[in-house]
């Protein structure tokens, strides 16, 4: 099982209590996308082609984990994969429906 660092895994926005639900939803969707991308990168790195005999080790694994975390954060913030936008739209529609703001 792959652990999620606190920098990506936290979804509450306690630093800004006056943030609108739409902004909070967008940030949460981006963080979820970062977690998802990081999991995909970790799964891709888990494949073993037998080439880590010379340069492998715990230091390289730690470096790769940090590299994957940073790549996932950048990708989610830039919208490169588009998962956050889709998640945000889906959850916003459910939020609007639950609060009675669905236009009916």
Foldseek 3Di string as FASTA:
>chain_A
DDDDDPVLPDLDDPVDPPDDPLVSLLSNLLSVQLVVQLVVQVVVVPDDPPPCPPPDDPVVVVVSSVVSSVVSNVCSVVCVVVRSVVSSVVVVCVVCVVVVNNPD
